[in-house]
Amino acid sequence: MELTETAAELVRRLRRTHGPLMFHQSGGCCDGSAPMCYRDGEFRTGGSDVLLASLRVDGVAEPVPFWMSRSQYEVWAHTRLIVDVVEGRGAGFSLEAPEGVRFLIRSRLVGPRGTAP
């Protein structure tokens, strides 16, 4: 899992404003299939969620956990996930919404050992 430089810069800005962050991607319809950014711990995770990564972002002191619903993870298990940003406001409660942008996931298929085919 990785972040584009545009996503990393947005994470740095959001961290300065809101403190430690986390991502969660539920896999629901509409914006549920987009990663939502919250203050760390603001979104409760549970047994139906998988911690995919603790993202290291230059300029952010602590790793940013990225959680995904287990059912969504099963669909994306064989892909390399890339967090990116696009213009346009999402419909969720993600912290970047007031910025007029939203996070999204880009993906790349990987082979059985995590390498690109």
C-alpha atoms as a PDB file:
ATOM      1  CA  MET A   1       0.000   0.000   0.000  1.00  0.00           C
ATOM      2  CA  GLU A   2       1.278   3.455  -0.830  1.00  0.00           C
ATOM      3  CA  LEU A   3       0.254   7.094  -1.166  1.00  0.00           C
ATOM      4  CA  THR A   4       0.794   9.371  -4.121  1.00  0.00           C
ATOM      5  CA  GLU A   5       2.726  12.542  -3.338  1.00  0.00           C
ATOM      6  CA  THR A   6      -0.529  14.519  -3.668  1.00  0.00           C
ATOM      7  CA  ALA A   7      -2.175  12.266  -1.069  1.00  0.00           C
ATOM      8  CA  ALA A   8       0.850  12.508   1.225  1.00  0.00           C
ATOM      9  CA  GLU A   9       0.743  16.314   1.096  1.00  0.00           C
ATOM     10  CA  LEU A  10      -2.958  16.302   1.958  1.00  0.00           C
ATOM     11  CA  VAL A  11      -2.302  13.922   4.859  1.00  0.00           C
ATOM     12  CA  ARG A  12       0.376  16.313   6.152  1.00  0.00           C
ATOM     13  CA  ARG A  13      -2.046  19.264   5.984  1.00  0.00           C
ATOM     14  CA  LEU A  14      -4.838  17.310   7.673  1.00  0.00           C
ATOM     15  CA  ARG A  15      -2.432  16.097  10.385  1.00  0.00           C
ATOM     16  CA  ARG A  16      -1.395  19.679  11.191  1.00  0.00           C
ATOM     17  CA  THR A  17      -5.058  20.673  11.553  1.00  0.00           C
ATOM     18  CA  HIS A  18      -6.617  17.597  13.182  1.00  0.00           C
ATOM     19  CA  GLY A  19      -3.849  15.635  14.901  1.00  0.00           C
ATOM     20  CA  PRO A  20      -3.162  11.901  14.367  1.00  0.00           C
ATOM     21  CA  LEU A  21      -5.184  10.352  11.542  1.00  0.00           C
ATOM     22  CA  MET A  22      -6.562   7.025  10.367  1.00  0.00           C
ATOM     23  CA  PHE A  23      -8.211   5.719   7.192  1.00  0.00           C
ATOM     24  CA  HIS A  24     -11.116   3.325   6.877  1.00  0.00           C
ATOM     25  CA  GLN A  25     -12.633   1.912   3.702  1.00  0.00           C
ATOM     26  CA  SER A  26     -15.938   0.144   4.211  1.00  0.00           C
ATOM     27  CA  GLY A  27     -16.673  -1.177   0.751  1.00  0.00           C
ATOM     28  CA  GLY A  28     -20.268   0.018   0.830  1.00  0.00           C
ATOM     29  CA  CYS A  29     -21.960   1.683  -2.086  1.00  0.00           C
ATOM     30  CA  CYS A  30     -21.207   5.194  -3.289  1.00  0.00           C
ATOM     31  CA  ASP A  31     -18.584   6.865  -1.095  1.00  0.00           C
ATOM     32  CA  GLY A  32     -18.313   3.740   1.063  1.00  0.00           C
ATOM     33  CA  SER A  33     -15.957   2.369  -1.557  1.00  0.00           C
ATOM     34  CA  ALA A  34     -13.622   5.359  -1.058  1.00  0.00           C
ATOM     35  CA  PRO A  35     -11.158   5.634   1.810  1.00  0.00           C
ATOM     36  CA  MET A  36     -12.404   7.932   4.562  1.00  0.00           C
ATOM     37  CA  CYS A  37      -9.939   9.865   6.681  1.00  0.00           C
ATOM     38  CA  TYR A  38     -10.751  10.432  10.359  1.00  0.00           C
ATOM     39  CA  ARG A  39      -8.979  11.550  13.507  1.00  0.00           C
ATOM     40  CA  ASP A  40      -7.233   8.437  14.809  1.00  0.00           C
ATOM     41  CA  GLY A  41      -9.704   6.460  16.911  1.00  0.00           C
ATOM     42  CA  GLU A  42     -12.733   8.492  15.809  1.00  0.00           C
ATOM     43  CA  PHE A  43     -14.000   5.611  13.667  1.00  0.00           C
ATOM     44  CA  ARG A  44     -14.476   2.426  15.668  1.00  0.00           C
ATOM     45  CA  THR A  45     -13.020  -0.657  14.059  1.00  0.00           C
ATOM     46  CA  GLY A  46     -13.895  -4.195  15.047  1.00  0.00           C
ATOM     47  CA  GLY A  47     -13.691  -7.851  14.104  1.00  0.00           C
ATOM     48  CA  SER A  48     -15.101  -7.177  10.648  1.00  0.00           C
ATOM     49  CA  ASP A  49     -12.169  -4.861   9.806  1.00  0.00           C
ATOM     50  CA  VAL A  50      -8.595  -5.613   8.702  1.00  0.00           C
ATOM     51  CA  LEU A  51      -5.599  -3.369   9.399  1.00  0.00           C
ATOM     52  CA  LEU A  52      -3.960  -3.276   5.966  1.00  0.00           C
ATOM     53  CA  ALA A  53      -1.068  -0.957   6.686  1.00  0.00           C
ATOM     54  CA  SER A  54       0.428   1.602   8.990  1.00  0.00           C
ATOM     55  CA  LEU A  55       1.367   4.226   6.425  1.00  0.00           C
ATOM     56  CA  ARG A  56       4.565   6.202   6.963  1.00  0.00           C
ATOM     57  CA  VAL A  57       4.294   9.736   5.629  1.00  0.00           C
ATOM     58  CA  ASP A  58       7.299  12.082   5.586  1.00  0.00           C
ATOM     59  CA  GLY A  59       6.554  14.974   7.918  1.00  0.00           C
ATOM     60  CA  VAL A  60       4.002  13.024   9.994  1.00  0.00           C
ATOM     61  CA  ALA A  61       5.349  11.812  13.320  1.00  0.00           C
ATOM     62  CA  GLU A  62       3.253   8.676  13.683  1.00  0.00           C
ATOM     63  CA  PRO A  63       2.131   6.001  11.204  1.00  0.00           C
ATOM     64  CA  VAL A  64      -1.363   6.436   9.770  1.00  0.00           C
ATOM     65  CA  PRO A  65      -3.361   3.197  10.131  1.00  0.00           C
ATOM     66  CA  PHE A  66      -5.375   2.115   7.092  1.00  0.00           C
ATOM     67  CA  TRP A  67      -8.315  -0.164   7.885  1.00  0.00           C
ATOM     68  CA  MET A  68     -10.648  -1.914   5.459  1.00  0.00           C
ATOM     69  CA  SER A  69     -13.749  -4.003   5.991  1.00  0.00           C
ATOM     70  CA  ARG A  70     -12.914  -7.700   5.750  1.00  0.00           C
ATOM     71  CA  SER A  71     -15.420  -8.233   2.911  1.00  0.00           C
ATOM     72  CA  GLN A  72     -13.844  -5.410   0.893  1.00  0.00           C
ATOM     73  CA  TYR A  73     -10.364  -6.748   1.638  1.00  0.00           C
ATOM     74  CA  GLU A  74     -11.304 -10.145   0.173  1.00  0.00           C
ATOM     75  CA  VAL A  75     -12.116  -8.400  -3.132  1.00  0.00           C
ATOM     76  CA  TRP A  76      -8.882  -6.337  -3.152  1.00  0.00           C
ATOM     77  CA  ALA A  77      -6.499  -8.941  -1.680  1.00  0.00           C
ATOM     78  CA  HIS A  78      -4.484  -9.413  -4.894  1.00  0.00           C
ATOM     79  CA  THR A  79      -4.023  -5.752  -5.740  1.00  0.00           C
ATOM     80  CA  ARG A  80      -1.505  -3.087  -4.862  1.00  0.00           C
ATOM     81  CA  LEU A  81      -3.536  -0.234  -3.368  1.00  0.00           C
ATOM     82  CA  ILE A  82      -2.519   3.362  -3.966  1.00  0.00           C
ATOM     83  CA  VAL A  83      -4.181   6.201  -2.059  1.00  0.00           C
ATOM     84  CA  ASP A  84      -4.636   9.229  -4.305  1.00  0.00           C
ATOM     85  CA  VAL A  85      -6.617  12.488  -4.310  1.00  0.00           C
ATOM     86  CA  VAL A  86      -8.994  13.910  -6.908  1.00  0.00           C
ATOM     87  CA  GLU A  87     -10.928  17.145  -7.083  1.00  0.00           C
ATOM     88  CA  GLY A  88     -14.556  17.043  -6.046  1.00  0.00           C
ATOM     89  CA  ARG A  89     -16.200  16.700  -2.708  1.00  0.00           C
ATOM     90  CA  GLY A  90     -17.242  13.252  -1.522  1.00  0.00           C
ATOM     91  CA  ALA A  91     -20.495  12.660   0.327  1.00  0.00           C
ATOM     92  CA  GLY A  92     -18.945  11.191   3.468  1.00  0.00           C
ATOM     93  CA  PHE A  93     -17.579  12.568   6.719  1.00  0.00           C
ATOM     94  CA  SER A  94     -13.953  12.329   5.654  1.00  0.00           C
ATOM     95  CA  LEU A  95     -11.736  15.147   6.964  1.00  0.00           C
ATOM     96  CA  GLU A  96     -10.676  16.320   3.504  1.00  0.00           C
ATOM     97  CA  ALA A  97     -14.256  17.117   2.385  1.00  0.00           C
ATOM     98  CA  PRO A  98     -14.039  20.869   3.192  1.00  0.00           C
ATOM     99  CA  GLU A  99     -10.894  21.066   1.015  1.00  0.00           C
ATOM    100  CA  GLY A 100     -12.945  20.363  -2.140  1.00  0.00           C
ATOM    101  CA  VAL A 101     -11.066  17.111  -2.803  1.00  0.00           C
ATOM    102  CA  ARG A 102     -11.488  13.468  -1.861  1.00  0.00           C
ATOM    103  CA  PHE A 103      -9.292  10.469  -1.371  1.00  0.00           C
ATOM    104  CA  LEU A 104      -9.696   7.509  -3.689  1.00  0.00           C
ATOM    105  CA  ILE A 105      -8.008   4.174  -4.249  1.00  0.00           C
ATOM    106  CA  ARG A 106      -6.175   3.292  -7.404  1.00  0.00           C
ATOM    107  CA  SER A 107      -5.121  -0.303  -7.807  1.00  0.00           C
ATOM    108  CA  ARG A 108      -2.657  -2.446  -9.651  1.00  0.00           C
ATOM    109  CA  LEU A 109      -2.936  -6.225  -9.935  1.00  0.00           C
ATOM    110  CA  VAL A 110      -0.120  -8.152  -8.299  1.00  0.00           C
ATOM    111  CA  GLY A 111       1.070 -11.699  -8.676  1.00  0.00           C
ATOM    112  CA  PRO A 112       0.811 -14.408  -6.044  1.00  0.00           C
ATOM    113  CA  ARG A 113       3.925 -13.169  -4.217  1.00  0.00           C
ATOM    114  CA  GLY A 114       2.966  -9.494  -4.212  1.00  0.00           C
ATOM    115  CA  THR A 115       4.837  -8.599  -7.399  1.00  0.00           C
ATOM    116  CA  ALA A 116       3.368  -7.044 -10.517  1.00  0.00           C
ATOM    117  CA  PRO A 117       2.559  -9.626 -13.211  1.00  0.00           C
END
